PDB file of N, CA and C in Angstrom:
ATOM      1  N   MET A   1      72.833  98.939  87.604  1.00  0.00           N
ATOM      2  CA  MET A   1      73.160  98.878  86.015  1.00  0.00           C
ATOM      3  C   MET A   1      73.844  97.818  85.602  1.00  0.00           C
ATOM      4  N   LEU A   2      74.703  97.023  86.430  1.00  0.00           N
ATOM      5  CA  LEU A   2      75.738  96.048  86.137  1.00  0.00           C
ATOM      6  C   LEU A   2      74.820  94.815  85.710  1.00  0.00           C
ATOM      7  N   ILE A   3      73.815  94.392  86.407  1.00  0.00           N
ATOM      8  CA  ILE A   3      72.914  93.354  86.258  1.00  0.00           C
ATOM      9  C   ILE A   3      72.412  93.349  84.734  1.00  0.00           C
ATOM     10  N   PRO A   4      71.897  94.281  84.414  1.00  0.00           N
ATOM     11  CA  PRO A   4      71.147  94.066  82.907  1.00  0.00           C
ATOM     12  C   PRO A   4      72.377  93.977  81.768  1.00  0.00           C
ATOM     13  N   ILE A   5      73.527  94.449  82.053  1.00  0.00           N
ATOM     14  CA  ILE A   5      74.780  94.493  81.199  1.00  0.00           C
ATOM     15  C   ILE A   5      75.475  93.081  81.244  1.00  0.00           C
ATOM     16  N   LEU A   6      75.380  92.475  82.475  1.00  0.00           N
ATOM     17  CA  LEU A   6      75.840  91.254  82.542  1.00  0.00           C
ATOM     18  C   LEU A   6      74.814  90.124  81.746  1.00  0.00           C
ATOM     19  N   ILE A   7      73.764  90.374  81.986  1.00  0.00           N
ATOM     20  CA  ILE A   7      72.595  89.468  81.409  1.00  0.00           C
ATOM     21  C   ILE A   7      72.716  89.592  79.913  1.00  0.00           C
ATOM     22  N   PHE A   8      72.936  90.795  79.471  1.00  0.00           N
ATOM     23  CA  PHE A   8      72.832  90.977  77.830  1.00  0.00           C
ATOM     24  C   PHE A   8      74.267  90.372  77.467  1.00  0.00           C
ATOM     25  N   ASP A   9      75.373  90.375  78.259  1.00  0.00           N
ATOM     26  CA  ASP A   9      76.475  89.924  77.841  1.00  0.00           C
ATOM     27  C   ASP A   9      76.357  88.556  77.780  1.00  0.00           C
ATOM     28  N   VAL A  10      75.819  87.823  78.798  1.00  0.00           N
ATOM     29  CA  VAL A  10      75.728  86.174  78.841  1.00  0.00           C
ATOM     30  C   VAL A  10      74.802  85.886  77.609  1.00  0.00           C
ATOM     31  N   ALA A  11      73.983  86.585  77.241  1.00  0.00           N
ATOM     32  CA  ALA A  11      72.963  86.517  75.815  1.00  0.00           C
ATOM     33  C   ALA A  11      73.935  86.451  74.660  1.00  0.00           C
ATOM     34  N   LEU A  12      74.620  87.390  74.756  1.00  0.00           N
ATOM     35  CA  LEU A  12      75.583  87.608  73.451  1.00  0.00           C
ATOM     36  C   LEU A  12      76.428  86.446  73.471  1.00  0.00           C
ATOM     37  N   VAL A  13      77.249  86.002  74.592  1.00  0.00           N
ATOM     38  CA  VAL A  13      77.918  84.746  74.362  1.00  0.00           C
ATOM     39  C   VAL A  13      77.222  83.656  74.071  1.00  0.00           C
ATOM     40  N   ALA A  14      76.076  83.426  74.621  1.00  0.00           N
ATOM     41  CA  ALA A  14      75.047  82.155  74.141  1.00  0.00           C
ATOM     42  C   ALA A  14      75.010  82.273  72.481  1.00  0.00           C
ATOM     43  N   TRP A  15      74.572  83.593  72.042  1.00  0.00           N
ATOM     44  CA  TRP A  15      74.407  83.665  70.762  1.00  0.00           C
ATOM     45  C   TRP A  15      75.450  83.286  69.835  1.00  0.00           C
ATOM     46  N   SER A  16      76.736  83.609  70.336  1.00  0.00           N
ATOM     47  CA  SER A  16      77.890  83.575  69.614  1.00  0.00           C
ATOM     48  C   SER A  16      78.192  82.166  69.722  1.00  0.00           C
ATOM     49  N   LEU A  17      77.993  81.152  70.562  1.00  0.00           N
ATOM     50  CA  LEU A  17      78.238  79.890  70.704  1.00  0.00           C
ATOM     51  C   LEU A  17      77.376  79.298  69.893  1.00  0.00           C
ATOM     52  N   HIS A  18      76.004  79.467  69.544  1.00  0.00           N
ATOM     53  CA  HIS A  18      74.887  79.040  68.842  1.00  0.00           C
ATOM     54  C   HIS A  18      75.595  79.372  67.380  1.00  0.00           C
ATOM     55  N   LEU A  19      75.985  80.608  67.040  1.00  0.00           N
ATOM     56  CA  LEU A  19      76.610  80.612  65.657  1.00  0.00           C
ATOM     57  C   LEU A  19      77.666  79.979  65.454  1.00  0.00           C
ATOM     58  N   MET A  20      78.433  79.729  66.353  1.00  0.00           N
ATOM     59  CA  MET A  20      79.718  78.873  66.231  1.00  0.00           C
ATOM     60  C   MET A  20      79.417  77.326  66.072  1.00  0.00           C
ATOM     61  N   GLU A  21      78.294  76.954  66.731  1.00  0.00           N
ATOM     62  CA  GLU A  21      78.129  75.649  66.524  1.00  0.00           C
ATOM     63  C   GLU A  21      77.241  75.327  65.228  1.00  0.00           C
ATOM     64  N   GLU A  22      76.220  76.191  64.797  1.00  0.00           N
ATOM     65  CA  GLU A  22      75.897  76.083  63.204  1.00  0.00           C
ATOM     66  C   GLU A  22      76.951  76.105  62.131  1.00  0.00           C
ATOM     67  N   ALA A  23      78.181  77.114  62.547  1.00  0.00           N
ATOM     68  CA  ALA A  23      79.274  77.056  61.444  1.00  0.00           C
ATOM     69  C   ALA A  23      79.860  75.772  61.468  1.00  0.00           C
ATOM     70  N   PHE A  24      79.819  74.950  62.554  1.00  0.00           N
ATOM     71  CA  PHE A  24      80.606  73.679  62.680  1.00  0.00           C
ATOM     72  C   PHE A  24      79.747  72.608  61.979  1.00  0.00           C
ATOM     73  N   TYR A  25      78.431  72.621  61.998  1.00  0.00           N
ATOM     74  CA  TYR A  25      77.580  71.637  61.337  1.00  0.00           C
ATOM     75  C   TYR A  25      77.632  71.925  59.784  1.00  0.00           C
ATOM     76  N   HIS A  26      77.482  73.281  59.522  1.00  0.00           N
ATOM     77  CA  HIS A  26      77.330  73.589  57.840  1.00  0.00           C
ATOM     78  C   HIS A  26      78.516  73.640  57.425  1.00  0.00           C
ATOM     79  N   LYS A  27      79.699  73.983  58.165  1.00  0.00           N
ATOM     80  CA  LYS A  27      81.120  74.183  57.443  1.00  0.00           C
ATOM     81  C   LYS A  27      81.217  75.444  56.766  1.00  0.00           C
ATOM     82  N   GLU A  28      80.573  76.395  57.333  1.00  0.00           N
ATOM     83  CA  GLU A  28      80.501  77.782  57.224  1.00  0.00           C
ATOM     84  C   GLU A  28      81.614  78.714  57.651  1.00  0.00           C
ATOM     85  N   PHE A  29      82.381  79.292  57.071  1.00  0.00           N
ATOM     86  CA  PHE A  29      83.312  80.166  57.709  1.00  0.00           C
ATOM     87  C   PHE A  29      82.606  81.444  58.177  1.00  0.00           C
ATOM     88  N   SER A  30      81.514  82.145  57.232  1.00  0.00           N
ATOM     89  CA  SER A  30      80.981  83.359  57.638  1.00  0.00           C
ATOM     90  C   SER A  30      80.168  83.271  59.211  1.00  0.00           C
ATOM     91  N   LEU A  31      79.659  82.018  59.427  1.00  0.00           N
ATOM     92  CA  LEU A  31      78.980  82.034  60.721  1.00  0.00           C
ATOM     93  C   LEU A  31      80.076  81.610  61.858  1.00  0.00           C
ATOM     94  N   MET A  32      81.251  81.323  61.465  1.00  0.00           N
ATOM     95  CA  MET A  32      82.222  80.961  62.652  1.00  0.00           C
ATOM     96  C   MET A  32      82.849  82.576  62.737  1.00  0.00           C
ATOM     97  N   LEU A  33      82.813  83.373  61.706  1.00  0.00           N
ATOM     98  CA  LEU A  33      83.297  84.732  61.932  1.00  0.00           C
ATOM     99  C   LEU A  33      82.321  85.601  62.674  1.00  0.00           C
ATOM    100  N   ALA A  34      80.893  85.471  62.176  1.00  0.00           N
ATOM    101  CA  ALA A  34      80.164  86.227  62.999  1.00  0.00           C
ATOM    102  C   ALA A  34      80.015  85.692  64.536  1.00  0.00           C
ATOM    103  N   GLY A  35      80.110  84.562  64.867  1.00  0.00           N
ATOM    104  CA  GLY A  35      80.204  84.052  66.202  1.00  0.00           C
ATOM    105  C   GLY A  35      81.458  84.869  66.924  1.00  0.00           C
ATOM    106  N   THR A  36      82.467  84.769  66.299  1.00  0.00           N
ATOM    107  CA  THR A  36      83.692  85.354  66.859  1.00  0.00           C
ATOM    108  C   THR A  36      83.731  86.829  67.186  1.00  0.00           C
ATOM    109  N   LEU A  37      82.969  87.502  66.273  1.00  0.00           N
ATOM    110  CA  LEU A  37      82.744  88.970  66.459  1.00  0.00           C
ATOM    111  C   LEU A  37      81.761  89.290  67.273  1.00  0.00           C
ATOM    112  N   VAL A  38      80.674  88.421  67.618  1.00  0.00           N
ATOM    113  CA  VAL A  38      79.775  88.541  68.760  1.00  0.00           C
ATOM    114  C   VAL A  38      80.348  88.499  69.998  1.00  0.00           C
ATOM    115  N   ALA A  39      81.190  87.456  70.053  1.00  0.00           N
ATOM    116  CA  ALA A  39      81.884  87.048  71.388  1.00  0.00           C
ATOM    117  C   ALA A  39      82.920  88.268  71.669  1.00  0.00           C
ATOM    118  N   LEU A  40      83.625  88.852  70.712  1.00  0.00           N
ATOM    119  CA  LEU A  40      84.493  89.859  71.002  1.00  0.00           C
ATOM    120  C   LEU A  40      83.728  91.206  71.300  1.00  0.00           C
ATOM    121  N   ALA A  41      82.601  91.545  70.761  1.00  0.00           N
ATOM    122  CA  ALA A  41      81.534  92.604  71.240  1.00  0.00           C
ATOM    123  C   ALA A  41      81.331  92.304  72.720  1.00  0.00           C
ATOM    124  N   ALA A  42      80.808  91.315  73.134  1.00  0.00           N
ATOM    125  CA  ALA A  42      80.443  90.984  74.624  1.00  0.00           C
ATOM    126  C   ALA A  42      81.793  91.313  75.406  1.00  0.00           C
ATOM    127  N   ALA A  43      82.752  90.836  74.894  1.00  0.00           N
ATOM    128  CA  ALA A  43      84.088  91.048  75.910  1.00  0.00           C
ATOM    129  C   ALA A  43      84.424  92.508  75.787  1.00  0.00           C
ATOM    130  N   ALA A  44      84.235  93.341  74.679  1.00  0.00           N
ATOM    131  CA  ALA A  44      84.601  94.878  74.615  1.00  0.00           C
ATOM    132  C   ALA A  44      83.463  95.471  75.546  1.00  0.00           C
ATOM    133  N   MET A  45      82.252  95.089  75.428  1.00  0.00           N
ATOM    134  CA  MET A  45      81.325  95.949  76.157  1.00  0.00           C
ATOM    135  C   MET A  45      81.634  95.703  77.645  1.00  0.00           C
ATOM    136  N   LEU A  46      82.052  94.550  78.244  1.00  0.00           N
ATOM    137  CA  LEU A  46      82.342  94.487  79.442  1.00  0.00           C
ATOM    138  C   LEU A  46      83.641  95.391  79.919  1.00  0.00           C
ATOM    139  N   VAL A  47      84.765  95.223  79.186  1.00  0.00           N
ATOM    140  CA  VAL A  47      85.805  96.129  79.271  1.00  0.00           C
ATOM    141  C   VAL A  47      85.610  97.591  79.491  1.00  0.00           C
ATOM    142  N   VAL A  48      84.738  98.268  78.345  1.00  0.00           N
ATOM    143  CA  VAL A  48      84.474  99.472  78.424  1.00  0.00           C
ATOM    144  C   VAL A  48      83.592  99.918  79.716  1.00  0.00           C
ATOM    145  N   TYR A  49      82.692  98.856  80.090  1.00  0.00           N
ATOM    146  CA  TYR A  49      81.773  99.165  81.132  1.00  0.00           C
ATOM    147  C   TYR A  49      82.738  99.400  82.495  1.00  0.00           C
ATOM    148  N   PHE A  50      83.703  98.596  82.474  1.00  0.00           N
ATOM    149  CA  PHE A  50      84.497  98.510  83.870  1.00  0.00           C
ATOM    150  C   PHE A  50      85.381  99.717  83.786  1.00  0.00           C
ATOM    151  N   LEU A  51      86.025  99.998  82.435  1.00  0.00           N
ATOM    152  CA  LEU A  51      86.990 101.284  82.528  1.00  0.00           C
ATOM    153  C   LEU A  51      86.147 102.702  82.647  1.00  0.00           C
ATOM    154  N   MET A  52      84.973 102.759  82.106  1.00  0.00           N
ATOM    155  CA  MET A  52      84.125 103.773  82.512  1.00  0.00           C
ATOM    156  C   MET A  52      83.702 103.940  83.940  1.00  0.00           C
ATOM    157  N   GLY A  53      83.435 102.722  84.340  1.00  0.00           N
ATOM    158  CA  GLY A  53      82.902 102.787  85.719  1.00  0.00           C
ATOM    159  C   GLY A  53      84.077 103.371  86.852  1.00  0.00           C
ATOM    160  N   ASN A  54      85.468 102.915  86.631  1.00  0.00           N
ATOM    161  CA  ASN A  54      86.561 103.572  87.246  1.00  0.00           C
ATOM    162  C   ASN A  54      86.821 105.120  86.894  1.00  0.00           C
ATOM    163  N   CYS A  55      86.555 105.410  85.664  1.00  0.00           N
ATOM    164  CA  CYS A  55      86.849 106.762  85.157  1.00  0.00           C
ATOM    165  C   CYS A  55      86.158 107.714  85.967  1.00  0.00           C
ATOM    166  N   MET A  56      84.723 107.161  85.962  1.00  0.00           N
ATOM    167  CA  MET A  56      83.670 108.014  86.683  1.00  0.00           C
ATOM    168  C   MET A  56      83.684 108.203  88.124  1.00  0.00           C
ATOM    169  N   THR A  57      84.163 106.944  88.735  1.00  0.00           N
ATOM    170  CA  THR A  57      84.349 106.938  90.177  1.00  0.00           C
ATOM    171  C   THR A  57      85.592 108.002  90.520  1.00  0.00           C
ATOM    172  N   TYR A  58      86.539 108.058  89.542  1.00  0.00           N
ATOM    173  CA  TYR A  58      87.691 108.974  89.957  1.00  0.00           C
ATOM    174  C   TYR A  58      87.399 110.443  89.548  1.00  0.00           C
ATOM    175  N   LEU A  59      86.701 110.611  88.689  1.00  0.00           N
ATOM    176  CA  LEU A  59      86.269 112.053  88.311  1.00  0.00           C
ATOM    177  C   LEU A  59      85.174 112.442  89.419  1.00  0.00           C
ATOM    178  N   LEU A  60      84.412 111.731  89.723  1.00  0.00           N
ATOM    179  CA  LEU A  60      83.278 112.165  91.016  1.00  0.00           C
ATOM    180  C   LEU A  60      84.118 112.420  92.275  1.00  0.00           C
ATOM    181  N   SER A  61      85.035 111.620  92.398  1.00  0.00           N
ATOM    182  CA  SER A  61      85.843 111.655  93.616  1.00  0.00           C
ATOM    183  C   SER A  61      86.787 112.992  93.689  1.00  0.00           C
ATOM    184  N   ALA A  62      87.212 113.260  92.477  1.00  0.00           N
ATOM    185  CA  ALA A  62      88.168 114.238  92.377  1.00  0.00           C
ATOM    186  C   ALA A  62      87.527 115.909  92.454  1.00  0.00           C
ATOM    187  N   SER A  63      86.334 115.757  92.057  1.00  0.00           N
ATOM    188  CA  SER A  63      85.590 116.985  91.870  1.00  0.00           C
ATOM    189  C   SER A  63      84.916 117.353  93.220  1.00  0.00           C
ATOM    190  N   GLY A  64      84.770 116.510  94.109  1.00  0.00           N
ATOM    191  CA  GLY A  64      84.128 116.792  95.210  1.00  0.00           C
ATOM    192  C   GLY A  64      84.984 116.918  96.406  1.00  0.00           C
TER     193      GLY A  64
END
């Protein structure tokens, strides 16, 4: 399950870099903000994945 999430995160980071590049060329703040929000969403998704993985591992080992 980790591989599809990592691929999706790499795609989100690539998209955010594309948005920030377009923002630089067109000097638009909204595209820069969108790129930053997409990058933060990718980082947050990885953090939640690892936190839930550790939590589930702990809960499954404690119940058995």
